[in-house]
Amino acid sequence: MLFVWIVLVASMFIGFWVFRRQDGKLRVLMYHKVLLNESNMLTVTTAQLDTQLQYLRQQGYEFISIRNLLNLSSPPSNAVLLTFDDAYLNNLEHAYPILKKYRACATIFVPSGYVGQSSGWDLKPDPLMSVQQLRDLDPEVFDLGLHTHLHRNFADLSIDEIETEISNNIQFFRDNQLAFVPALAYPYGGRPKDKSLKNQMKQVLSQLGVTMAFRIGNRLNNWPLTNRYEIQRIDVRGTDSMGDFKRKVRWGKLI
């Protein structure tokens, strides 16, 4: 009987600790494609996205933008930041009406060398937004961010190549007079594996004026951020059930 009580008390303590551990965290969700009736690892359906945003609203989560995050001393304790990688045309066609419906905002990370073309890195390439479509996006809903120029994995690049990728990405926005936030999403979540090279990469980011960068990782982020170049995002997949989505948003990856 004593053993049962010890287990019960320990379970309650662990549950309370885990609950507190998730309180006041910054949640960053990572999406890619949004289509009407197709779902896979990189694609959610419009119905899935609608249900997910409805859930977040009902649970009292507050949508914030990277632009607002840059200006906050601390985010709301229930903050959720939505991100979409690659500037797929379907983000405009299918995600935008749903984001607007729920008064949500999001950042689209743009691989500038492919704008107006298609996602050549995908097994099934999809059309990407044009310069004019990026320019015409609703600023109340979308910010634009950096996703390098040629969508190359930093784990495979030299420091000089990384600098060129980011510099060209930034120059694209300036040449086309497109407003953007100085935030980067690493393609494939990749960074140099060598610690020294990773530190050099962060110095390059700082020198180029990039104030924060996003990886994957699937964990919630502490605030204040301990490393603004290693902000973790939760990978939202079309293969996830709604139960999976709720668990990811509430707890992130615990282990």
Protein backbone atom coordinates (compact mmCIF):
# COMPACT_ATOMS: atom_id res chain seq x y z
CA MET A 1 0.00 0.00 0.00
CA LEU A 2 2.83 2.37 0.85
CA PHE A 3 4.43 1.62 -2.49
CA VAL A 4 1.19 2.50 -4.29
CA TRP A 5 1.00 5.85 -2.47
CA ILE A 6 4.63 6.59 -3.30
CA VAL A 7 3.99 5.88 -6.99
CA LEU A 8 0.82 8.00 -6.94
CA VAL A 9 2.54 10.98 -5.30
CA ALA A 10 5.53 10.67 -7.62
CA SER A 11 3.23 10.57 -10.65
CA MET A 12 1.40 13.68 -9.46
CA PHE A 13 4.67 15.51 -8.88
CA ILE A 14 6.04 14.53 -12.30
CA GLY A 15 2.78 15.56 -13.96
CA PHE A 16 2.82 18.93 -12.21
CA TRP A 17 6.50 19.44 -13.11
CA VAL A 18 5.87 18.61 -16.76
CA PHE A 19 2.86 20.93 -16.81
CA ARG A 20 4.88 23.79 -15.33
CA ARG A 21 7.74 22.98 -17.67
CA GLN A 22 5.49 23.74 -20.64
CA ASP A 23 4.01 26.94 -19.22
CA GLY A 24 5.19 30.23 -20.67
CA LYS A 25 6.96 28.62 -23.63
CA LEU A 26 7.20 29.91 -27.18
CA ARG A 27 5.64 27.49 -29.66
CA VAL A 28 6.67 27.72 -33.31
CA LEU A 29 4.76 25.58 -35.83
CA MET A 30 6.29 24.66 -39.19
CA TYR A 31 4.10 24.11 -42.24
CA HIS A 32 4.90 23.67 -45.91
CA LYS A 33 2.08 22.95 -48.40
CA VAL A 34 -1.68 23.33 -47.99
CA LEU A 35 -3.92 21.54 -50.52
CA LEU A 36 -7.63 20.80 -50.77
CA ASN A 37 -7.63 17.02 -50.59
CA GLU A 38 -4.02 15.83 -50.43
CA SER A 39 -2.00 15.18 -47.29
CA ASN A 40 1.49 13.79 -46.74
CA MET A 41 4.61 14.54 -44.72
CA LEU A 42 4.88 18.08 -46.13
CA THR A 43 1.23 18.76 -46.94
CA VAL A 44 -1.83 19.41 -44.77
CA THR A 45 -5.33 19.65 -46.19
CA THR A 46 -7.41 22.78 -45.86
CA ALA A 47 -9.70 20.87 -43.49
CA GLN A 48 -6.75 19.91 -41.28
CA LEU A 49 -5.44 23.48 -41.15
CA ASP A 50 -8.90 24.83 -40.38
CA THR A 51 -9.40 22.35 -37.55
CA GLN A 52 -5.94 23.05 -36.14
CA LEU A 53 -6.34 26.83 -36.09
CA GLN A 54 -9.82 26.51 -34.66
CA TYR A 55 -8.40 24.35 -31.86
CA LEU A 56 -5.65 26.88 -31.12
CA ARG A 57 -8.23 29.68 -30.92
CA GLN A 58 -10.54 27.66 -28.68
CA GLN A 59 -7.66 26.79 -26.34
CA GLY A 60 -6.73 30.45 -25.92
CA TYR A 61 -3.45 30.42 -27.79
CA GLU A 62 -2.41 33.81 -29.16
CA PHE A 63 -1.00 34.08 -32.67
CA ILE A 64 2.03 36.34 -32.85
CA SER A 65 4.30 37.26 -35.74
CA ILE A 66 8.07 37.22 -35.90
CA ARG A 67 7.91 40.96 -36.47
CA ASN A 68 6.09 41.37 -33.16
CA LEU A 69 8.37 38.87 -31.45
CA LEU A 70 11.38 40.99 -32.37
CA ASN A 71 9.83 43.92 -30.50
CA LEU A 72 8.65 42.08 -27.38
CA SER A 73 10.55 41.88 -24.12
CA SER A 74 8.60 38.66 -23.56
CA PRO A 75 5.94 36.86 -25.59
CA PRO A 76 2.50 36.00 -24.20
CA SER A 77 2.61 32.83 -22.12
CA ASN A 78 0.35 31.14 -24.68
CA ALA A 79 2.11 32.44 -27.82
CA VAL A 80 2.08 30.46 -31.06
CA LEU A 81 4.11 31.51 -34.07
CA LEU A 82 3.05 30.04 -37.43
CA THR A 83 5.62 29.58 -40.20
CA PHE A 84 5.37 28.33 -43.78
CA ASP A 85 8.50 27.27 -45.66
CA ASP A 86 9.21 27.80 -49.36
CA ALA A 87 6.52 30.31 -50.49
CA TYR A 88 4.31 27.75 -52.21
CA LEU A 89 1.53 29.26 -54.29
CA ASN A 90 -0.93 27.06 -52.40
CA ASN A 91 -0.13 29.05 -49.23
CA LEU A 92 -1.76 32.03 -50.93
CA GLU A 93 -4.60 30.07 -52.51
CA HIS A 94 -5.52 27.78 -49.61
CA ALA A 95 -3.80 28.81 -46.37
CA TYR A 96 -4.52 32.54 -46.58
CA PRO A 97 -8.35 32.34 -46.37
CA ILE A 98 -8.11 30.08 -43.31
CA LEU A 99 -5.53 32.28 -41.59
CA LYS A 100 -7.76 35.29 -42.28
CA LYS A 101 -10.79 33.44 -40.90
CA TYR A 102 -9.09 32.88 -37.54
CA ARG A 103 -7.32 36.25 -37.44
CA ALA A 104 -3.99 34.46 -37.50
CA CYS A 105 -0.66 35.70 -38.82
CA ALA A 106 2.28 33.76 -40.21
CA THR A 107 5.74 34.12 -41.70
CA ILE A 108 6.58 32.71 -45.12
CA PHE A 109 10.26 31.84 -45.54
CA VAL A 110 11.29 32.50 -49.14
CA PRO A 111 14.03 30.69 -51.14
CA SER A 112 14.66 33.63 -53.45
CA GLY A 113 16.37 31.77 -56.31
CA TYR A 114 13.17 29.85 -57.04
CA VAL A 115 10.60 32.64 -56.77
CA GLY A 116 8.08 32.42 -59.61
CA GLN A 117 9.28 28.91 -60.50
CA SER A 118 8.67 25.57 -58.76
CA SER A 119 10.16 23.65 -55.84
CA GLY A 120 12.90 21.80 -57.71
CA TRP A 121 14.09 20.12 -54.50
CA ASP A 122 10.74 18.29 -54.07
CA LEU A 123 10.05 14.83 -55.51
CA LYS A 124 6.86 16.41 -56.82
CA PRO A 125 7.64 20.09 -57.55
CA ASP A 126 4.88 22.59 -56.85
CA PRO A 127 4.58 26.17 -58.11
CA LEU A 128 5.97 28.96 -55.94
CA MET A 129 4.73 32.52 -55.64
CA SER A 130 5.98 35.22 -57.98
CA VAL A 131 7.56 38.49 -56.93
CA GLN A 132 4.27 40.28 -57.55
CA GLN A 133 2.31 37.76 -55.52
CA LEU A 134 4.76 38.13 -52.65
CA ARG A 135 4.46 41.90 -52.90
CA ASP A 136 0.65 41.74 -52.86
CA LEU A 137 0.35 39.49 -49.79
CA ASP A 138 -1.86 40.83 -47.00
CA PRO A 139 0.60 42.43 -44.52
CA GLU A 140 -1.89 41.86 -41.69
CA VAL A 141 -1.51 38.12 -42.23
CA PHE A 142 1.91 37.46 -43.73
CA ASP A 143 5.49 38.50 -43.06
CA LEU A 144 8.29 37.35 -45.34
CA GLY A 145 11.51 35.86 -44.03
CA LEU A 146 14.76 34.38 -45.32
CA HIS A 147 15.12 30.79 -46.55
CA THR A 148 18.44 31.21 -48.41
CA HIS A 149 18.79 31.76 -52.15
CA LEU A 150 19.08 28.23 -53.56
CA HIS A 151 17.54 26.16 -50.75
CA ARG A 152 20.81 24.36 -49.96
CA ASN A 153 21.50 22.47 -46.74
CA PHE A 154 24.00 24.37 -44.58
CA ALA A 155 25.35 21.05 -43.29
CA ASP A 156 26.90 20.54 -46.73
CA LEU A 157 28.25 24.07 -47.32
CA SER A 158 31.40 25.99 -46.47
CA ILE A 159 31.15 29.21 -44.47
CA ASP A 160 31.75 31.25 -47.63
CA GLU A 161 28.92 29.41 -49.40
CA ILE A 162 26.61 29.99 -46.43
CA GLU A 163 27.42 33.69 -46.49
CA THR A 164 26.71 33.85 -50.23
CA GLU A 165 23.39 32.04 -49.80
CA ILE A 166 22.18 34.51 -47.18
CA SER A 167 23.63 37.60 -48.86
CA ASN A 168 21.91 36.74 -52.14
CA ASN A 169 18.67 36.05 -50.29
CA ILE A 170 18.77 39.47 -48.62
CA GLN A 171 19.76 41.20 -51.85
CA PHE A 172 16.77 39.68 -53.63
CA PHE A 173 14.41 41.35 -51.17
CA ARG A 174 16.19 44.68 -51.52
CA ASP A 175 16.34 44.54 -55.32
CA ASN A 176 12.62 43.80 -55.51
CA GLN A 177 11.66 46.27 -52.76
CA LEU A 178 10.03 43.55 -50.69
CA ALA A 179 9.71 44.09 -46.95
CA PHE A 180 11.08 41.21 -44.87
CA VAL A 181 11.90 40.29 -41.31
CA PRO A 182 15.58 39.54 -40.60
CA ALA A 183 14.82 35.97 -39.61
CA LEU A 184 16.09 32.81 -41.31
CA ALA A 185 14.68 29.29 -41.56
CA TYR A 186 17.48 26.81 -42.24
CA PRO A 187 16.63 24.67 -45.30
CA TYR A 188 16.09 21.09 -44.11
CA GLY A 189 16.86 22.39 -40.61
CA GLY A 190 20.54 21.87 -41.44
CA ARG A 191 23.52 23.60 -39.84
CA PRO A 192 27.25 22.77 -39.81
CA LYS A 193 27.97 19.80 -37.59
CA ASP A 194 31.39 21.05 -36.53
CA LYS A 195 31.08 23.32 -33.50
CA SER A 196 33.68 25.78 -34.77
CA LEU A 197 31.97 26.06 -38.16
CA LYS A 198 28.61 26.50 -36.50
CA ASN A 199 29.99 29.38 -34.43
CA GLN A 200 31.43 30.94 -37.59
CA MET A 201 28.01 30.59 -39.23
CA LYS A 202 26.38 32.43 -36.34
CA GLN A 203 28.95 35.22 -36.66
CA VAL A 204 28.06 35.50 -40.36
CA LEU A 205 24.35 35.67 -39.52
CA SER A 206 25.00 38.44 -37.01
CA GLN A 207 27.20 40.40 -39.42
CA LEU A 208 24.50 40.21 -42.10
CA GLY A 209 21.86 41.51 -39.71
CA VAL A 210 19.95 38.26 -39.22
CA THR A 211 18.51 38.50 -35.71
CA MET A 212 17.10 34.98 -35.31
CA ALA A 213 17.14 31.63 -37.08
CA PHE A 214 14.85 28.61 -36.92
CA ARG A 215 15.72 24.91 -37.00
CA ILE A 216 13.33 21.98 -36.48
CA GLY A 217 13.84 20.06 -33.22
CA ASN A 218 10.13 19.72 -32.30
CA ARG A 219 10.52 21.22 -28.84
CA LEU A 220 9.03 24.26 -27.17
CA ASN A 221 11.33 27.22 -26.62
CA ASN A 222 12.25 28.78 -23.30
CA TRP A 223 11.90 32.52 -22.88
CA PRO A 224 14.05 34.49 -22.91
CA LEU A 225 15.58 32.64 -25.83
CA THR A 226 18.95 31.18 -24.88
CA ASN A 227 20.14 30.98 -28.49
CA ARG A 228 18.37 33.08 -31.12
CA TYR A 229 20.02 31.10 -33.90
CA GLU A 230 18.69 27.75 -32.67
CA ILE A 231 14.95 28.40 -32.25
CA GLN A 232 13.09 25.10 -32.49
CA ARG A 233 9.99 24.51 -34.58
CA ILE A 234 7.32 21.83 -34.35
CA ASP A 235 6.93 19.94 -37.62
CA VAL A 236 3.21 19.79 -38.51
CA ARG A 237 2.60 16.93 -40.93
CA GLY A 238 -0.44 15.95 -42.93
CA THR A 239 0.08 12.41 -41.64
CA ASP A 240 -0.53 13.61 -38.06
CA SER A 241 -3.84 12.90 -36.40
CA MET A 242 -5.57 15.68 -34.50
CA GLY A 243 -4.45 13.93 -31.34
CA ASP A 244 -0.85 14.11 -32.57
CA PHE A 245 -1.25 17.82 -33.27
CA LYS A 246 -2.67 18.54 -29.81
CA ARG A 247 0.14 16.61 -28.14
CA LYS A 248 2.83 18.38 -30.18
CA VAL A 249 1.41 21.82 -29.42
CA ARG A 250 0.90 21.14 -25.73
CA TRP A 251 4.12 19.33 -24.91
CA GLY A 252 6.47 19.39 -27.88
CA LYS A 253 9.03 16.61 -27.86
CA LEU A 254 9.61 15.60 -24.24
CA ILE A 255 12.61 13.28 -24.69
